[in-house]
Protein backbone atom coordinates (compact mmCIF):
# COMPACT_ATOMS: atom_id res chain seq x y z
CA MET A 1 -25.39 -10.59 -2.64
CA ALA A 2 -27.48 -8.40 -4.98
CA THR A 3 -30.58 -8.25 -2.80
CA LEU A 4 -33.14 -5.51 -2.21
CA ARG A 5 -32.01 -5.28 1.42
CA ARG A 6 -28.45 -4.61 0.31
CA SER A 7 -29.65 -1.92 -2.15
CA LEU A 8 -31.62 -0.14 0.57
CA ARG A 9 -28.69 -0.35 2.99
CA LEU A 10 -26.36 1.33 0.50
CA LEU A 11 -28.96 3.94 -0.39
CA ASN A 12 -29.31 4.81 3.29
CA ALA A 13 -25.52 5.10 3.66
CA PHE A 14 -25.37 7.38 0.62
CA ARG A 15 -27.28 10.07 2.54
CA HIS A 16 -24.18 10.63 4.68
CA GLU A 17 -21.65 11.03 1.85
CA ARG A 18 -21.09 14.75 2.43
CA THR A 19 -21.81 15.07 6.15
CA ASP A 20 -20.01 11.95 7.39
CA PRO A 21 -17.92 10.39 4.60
CA ALA A 22 -16.67 7.48 6.72
CA ARG A 23 -20.26 6.46 7.40
CA PHE A 24 -20.83 6.21 3.67
CA TYR A 25 -17.49 4.94 2.38
CA GLY A 26 -17.14 2.30 5.08
CA PRO A 27 -20.19 0.27 3.96
CA LEU A 28 -19.39 1.01 0.32
CA ALA A 29 -15.85 -0.31 0.76
CA ALA A 30 -17.09 -3.49 2.41
CA ASP A 31 -19.65 -3.99 -0.35
CA THR A 32 -17.10 -3.32 -3.10
CA ALA A 33 -14.56 -5.77 -1.71
CA ALA A 34 -17.25 -8.43 -1.28
CA MET A 35 -18.44 -7.87 -4.85
CA ALA A 36 -14.88 -7.99 -6.19
CA GLY A 37 -14.22 -11.19 -4.28
CA GLU A 38 -17.32 -12.87 -5.68
CA LEU A 39 -16.52 -11.77 -9.22
CA TYR A 40 -12.92 -12.96 -8.94
CA ARG A 41 -13.99 -16.31 -7.49
CA GLY A 42 -16.51 -16.80 -10.28
CA ALA A 43 -14.10 -15.87 -13.07
CA ALA A 44 -10.78 -17.17 -11.74
CA GLY A 45 -11.99 -19.92 -9.43
CA ALA A 46 -10.00 -18.53 -6.50
CA SER A 47 -10.34 -16.09 -3.63
CA LEU A 48 -8.58 -12.73 -3.54
CA ALA A 49 -6.02 -14.10 -1.07
CA GLY A 50 -2.61 -13.38 -2.55
CA ALA A 51 -4.07 -11.50 -5.52
CA THR A 52 -2.78 -8.06 -6.47
CA VAL A 53 -5.65 -5.56 -6.73
CA VAL A 54 -5.09 -2.09 -8.15
CA ASP A 55 -7.77 0.47 -7.32
CA VAL A 56 -7.71 3.30 -9.87
CA GLY A 57 -8.87 6.47 -8.12
CA GLY A 58 -8.45 4.85 -4.71
CA GLY A 59 -8.52 8.24 -3.03
CA PRO A 60 -8.17 8.38 0.74
CA GLY A 61 -7.96 4.60 1.11
CA TYR A 62 -11.28 3.54 2.59
CA PHE A 63 -11.18 0.35 0.49
CA ALA A 64 -7.70 -0.70 1.61
CA ALA A 65 -8.63 -2.41 4.88
CA GLU A 66 -11.46 -4.38 3.27
CA PHE A 67 -9.24 -5.82 0.56
CA LEU A 68 -6.46 -6.46 3.02
CA ALA A 69 -8.90 -8.40 5.21
CA ARG A 70 -9.51 -10.69 2.23
CA GLY A 71 -5.79 -11.36 1.87
CA ALA A 72 -5.27 -9.24 -1.25
CA ARG A 73 -2.29 -7.02 -1.97
CA TYR A 74 -3.93 -3.63 -2.49
CA VAL A 75 -2.51 -0.67 -4.40
CA ALA A 76 -4.39 2.61 -4.80
CA VAL A 77 -3.55 4.87 -7.74
CA GLU A 78 -4.67 8.47 -7.23
CA PRO A 79 -3.59 11.66 -9.05
CA ASP A 80 -4.67 14.11 -6.35
CA PRO A 81 -2.44 14.24 -3.24
CA GLY A 82 -5.22 16.04 -1.38
CA GLU A 83 -7.52 13.07 -1.92
CA LEU A 84 -4.82 10.66 -0.81
CA HIS A 85 -4.55 12.37 2.57
CA ALA A 86 -8.17 13.45 3.00
CA ALA A 87 -9.06 10.77 5.53
CA GLY A 88 -5.65 10.44 7.15
CA LEU A 89 -5.44 6.77 6.18
CA TRP A 90 -2.21 7.12 4.21
CA THR A 91 0.80 8.29 6.18
CA ASP A 92 3.32 9.33 3.56
CA GLY A 93 1.59 8.11 0.42
CA ALA A 94 3.07 4.66 0.86
CA GLY A 95 0.48 3.15 3.16
CA GLY A 96 0.84 1.89 6.68
CA ALA A 97 0.42 -1.91 6.48
CA ASP A 98 2.03 -4.80 4.67
CA GLY A 99 0.28 -5.52 1.40
CA VAL A 100 -1.15 -1.99 1.11
CA ALA A 101 0.30 0.87 -0.91
CA ALA A 102 -0.66 4.12 -2.60
CA VAL A 103 0.85 5.53 -5.77
CA ARG A 104 0.31 8.99 -7.15
CA GLY A 105 -0.49 8.69 -10.83
CA SER A 106 -3.07 9.17 -13.56
CA GLY A 107 -5.59 6.53 -14.50
CA MET A 108 -5.07 7.52 -18.12
CA ALA A 109 -1.37 6.57 -17.92
CA LEU A 110 -1.08 4.03 -15.11
CA PRO A 111 2.45 3.85 -13.66
CA LEU A 112 2.44 0.05 -13.84
CA ARG A 113 3.92 -2.47 -16.23
CA THR A 114 1.78 -4.45 -18.66
CA ASP A 115 0.21 -7.69 -17.34
CA ALA A 116 1.18 -6.79 -13.77
CA VAL A 117 -1.96 -7.29 -11.66
CA ASP A 118 -4.69 -9.84 -11.02
CA MET A 119 -7.54 -7.35 -10.79
CA CYS A 120 -7.80 -3.71 -11.81
CA LEU A 121 -10.73 -1.97 -10.17
CA SER A 122 -12.23 1.48 -10.57
CA SER A 123 -15.25 2.58 -8.57
CA ASN A 124 -17.11 5.80 -9.39
CA VAL A 125 -14.18 7.43 -11.16
CA ALA A 126 -14.90 7.27 -14.90
CA GLU A 127 -17.46 10.10 -14.75
CA HIS A 128 -14.81 12.40 -13.26
CA ILE A 129 -12.28 12.25 -16.09
CA ALA A 130 -12.46 13.59 -19.62
CA ARG A 131 -11.27 10.37 -21.34
CA PRO A 132 -12.69 7.48 -19.32
CA TRP A 133 -12.16 4.87 -22.03
CA THR A 134 -8.47 5.72 -22.20
CA MET A 135 -8.44 4.83 -18.51
CA ALA A 136 -10.38 1.63 -19.22
CA ASP A 137 -7.82 0.63 -21.86
CA GLU A 138 -5.02 1.30 -19.39
CA MET A 139 -6.77 -0.86 -16.79
CA LEU A 140 -6.94 -3.70 -19.29
CA ARG A 141 -3.28 -3.23 -20.24
CA VAL A 142 -1.94 -3.64 -16.70
CA THR A 143 -4.17 -6.65 -15.93
CA ARG A 144 -2.61 -10.07 -16.50
CA PRO A 145 -4.15 -12.49 -19.02
CA GLY A 146 -6.98 -14.26 -17.21
CA GLY A 147 -7.29 -11.40 -14.72
CA LEU A 148 -10.28 -9.12 -14.28
CA VAL A 149 -11.08 -5.50 -14.99
CA VAL A 150 -13.96 -4.25 -12.83
CA LEU A 151 -15.08 -0.78 -13.87
CA SER A 152 -18.16 0.86 -12.37
CA TYR A 153 -19.32 4.42 -12.89
CA THR A 154 -22.26 6.73 -12.36
CA VAL A 155 -24.47 6.98 -15.44
CA TRP A 156 -25.09 10.59 -16.44
CA HIS A 157 -28.85 10.51 -16.98
CA GLY A 158 -29.44 8.28 -13.98
CA PRO A 159 -30.74 9.68 -10.67
CA PHE A 160 -27.25 10.45 -9.30
CA GLY A 161 -25.57 11.57 -12.52
CA GLY A 162 -25.34 15.19 -11.45
CA HIS A 163 -23.91 14.33 -8.03
CA GLU A 164 -24.51 17.26 -5.68
CA THR A 165 -26.14 19.34 -8.41
CA GLY A 166 -29.11 17.05 -8.01
CA ARG A 167 -31.54 16.22 -10.74
CA TRP A 168 -31.06 19.62 -12.36
CA HIS A 169 -28.37 18.01 -14.52
CA TRP A 170 -31.23 16.64 -16.63
CA LEU A 171 -31.61 20.22 -17.89
CA GLY A 172 -27.91 20.36 -18.70
CA GLY A 173 -24.70 20.05 -16.73
CA GLU A 174 -23.70 23.70 -17.10
CA PHE A 175 -27.17 24.87 -16.06
CA ALA A 176 -27.03 22.64 -12.98
CA ALA A 177 -23.58 23.93 -12.02
CA ARG A 178 -24.62 27.59 -12.33
CA ARG A 179 -27.77 26.94 -10.31
CA TYR A 180 -25.72 25.32 -7.56
CA LEU A 181 -23.40 28.35 -7.46
CA ARG A 182 -26.35 30.74 -7.16
CA ARG A 183 -27.96 28.75 -4.35
CA HIS A 184 -24.87 27.92 -2.32
CA GLY A 185 -22.45 30.73 -3.12
CA ARG A 186 -19.72 28.31 -4.18
CA GLU A 187 -18.96 26.02 -7.06
CA PRO A 188 -19.95 22.36 -6.67
CA LYS A 189 -17.10 20.00 -5.83
CA ASN A 190 -17.92 18.04 -8.96
CA ARG A 191 -17.89 20.81 -11.56
CA TYR A 192 -19.43 19.93 -14.92
CA GLY A 193 -16.83 20.04 -17.69
CA VAL A 194 -13.96 20.13 -15.20
CA SER A 195 -14.33 17.20 -12.80
CA LEU A 196 -17.69 15.80 -13.88
CA PHE A 197 -18.52 14.55 -17.36
CA PRO A 198 -21.57 12.97 -19.01
CA VAL A 199 -20.88 9.25 -19.43
CA ARG A 200 -23.71 7.06 -20.72
CA ALA A 201 -24.39 3.41 -20.07
CA ALA A 202 -24.16 2.90 -23.84
CA ASP A 203 -20.59 4.25 -23.80
CA GLY A 204 -19.38 1.59 -21.39
CA LEU A 205 -21.22 -1.19 -23.17
CA ALA A 206 -19.70 -0.06 -26.48
CA TRP A 207 -16.19 -0.11 -24.97
CA ALA A 208 -16.70 -3.62 -23.60
CA ALA A 209 -18.07 -4.83 -26.93
CA ALA A 210 -15.10 -3.33 -28.78
CA VAL A 211 -12.68 -5.07 -26.40
CA ALA A 212 -14.39 -8.39 -27.08
CA ALA A 213 -14.50 -7.82 -30.84
CA ALA A 214 -10.78 -7.05 -30.90
CA GLY A 215 -10.00 -10.26 -29.04
CA ARG A 216 -8.55 -8.42 -26.06
CA GLY A 217 -11.02 -9.61 -23.44
CA ASP A 218 -14.29 -11.35 -22.68
CA VAL A 219 -17.24 -9.54 -21.15
CA VAL A 220 -18.06 -11.47 -17.98
CA ALA A 221 -20.91 -9.22 -16.84
CA ALA A 222 -22.54 -5.82 -17.26
CA PHE A 223 -25.04 -5.01 -14.54
CA PRO A 224 -26.53 -2.12 -12.51
CA ARG A 225 -24.23 -2.21 -9.52
CA TYR A 226 -26.62 -1.11 -6.78
CA HIS A 227 -29.78 -2.81 -8.07
CA PRO A 228 -31.13 -6.13 -6.78
CA ARG A 229 -30.50 -9.09 -9.07
CA TRP A 230 -34.08 -9.21 -10.35
CA ALA A 231 -33.68 -5.71 -11.84
CA TRP A 232 -30.53 -6.40 -13.84
CA TRP A 233 -32.56 -6.83 -17.04
CA ILE A 234 -32.75 -3.03 -17.24
CA VAL A 235 -29.24 -2.92 -18.72
CA ARG A 236 -30.50 -4.73 -21.83
CA VAL A 237 -33.05 -2.00 -22.67
CA PRO A 238 -31.67 1.03 -24.55
CA GLY A 239 -33.06 4.32 -23.29
CA LEU A 240 -34.45 2.87 -20.09
CA ARG A 241 -30.98 1.91 -18.88
CA GLU A 242 -29.80 5.51 -19.23
CA LEU A 243 -32.49 6.68 -16.81
CA ALA A 244 -32.89 3.72 -14.47
CA VAL A 245 -29.31 2.50 -14.02
CA SER A 246 -27.65 4.66 -11.41
CA ASN A 247 -24.27 2.92 -11.70
CA LEU A 248 -23.11 0.53 -14.40
CA CYS A 249 -20.58 -2.16 -13.55
CA LEU A 250 -18.55 -3.73 -16.35
CA VAL A 251 -16.53 -6.88 -15.74
CA VAL A 252 -14.02 -7.96 -18.39
CA ARG A 253 -11.63 -10.91 -18.24
CA LYS A 254 -8.43 -10.28 -20.17
CA ARG A 255 -7.84 -12.92 -22.81
CA GLN A 256 -4.86 -15.21 -22.86
CA ARG A 257 -2.50 -14.41 -25.70
């Protein structure tokens, strides 16, 4: 599914993130669920039907319907009640359909028992928390042996690392935030040092390597999520990957004890 056409389609949808979120998150949700299904089939030899998928930072629930359509049991974990209700997709925080639920909780201390889920997913969340690798460890903890952790995040020095502060983040996150305030008269939604943090591609690769070295999991894949397949080699080149990878996806299978 990692074709140039798919990359261009997602890039076009990204233009509507702020003006029409549903127009952006709808295609992204469909793409994420399809990607998760392919990864799970490749690693576990089965579809997502009947699998329990936890989405860390699930927010307003755009992904819920897509995973439900694939037969998965979907649970969103989100610390911000405002985000949970932003799109009106959750009624009382418990979801509105069988097999779908939302839980208020922190990704850095997931309110789930160890070895509880088949897949633990996080999409574009790690760059918004101060200790992303604590969250990654928690994701691995709650995943059952043989299950998958799928963690993707925006790389800081990539083209979208500064989010709405644009490419000015290359001159420093604080500089970019102050510039945004001067130009728009308000703080950016993703405020550097508060809700936006510099996370490198190397950081995620180091976490995955440490997990493998400790015998806790096997690295199934590490690839630039929105790039066509023929461009995945970029991840193997230090320096270049920090600039050219907009979003790094790490896939780890938890080892059997």
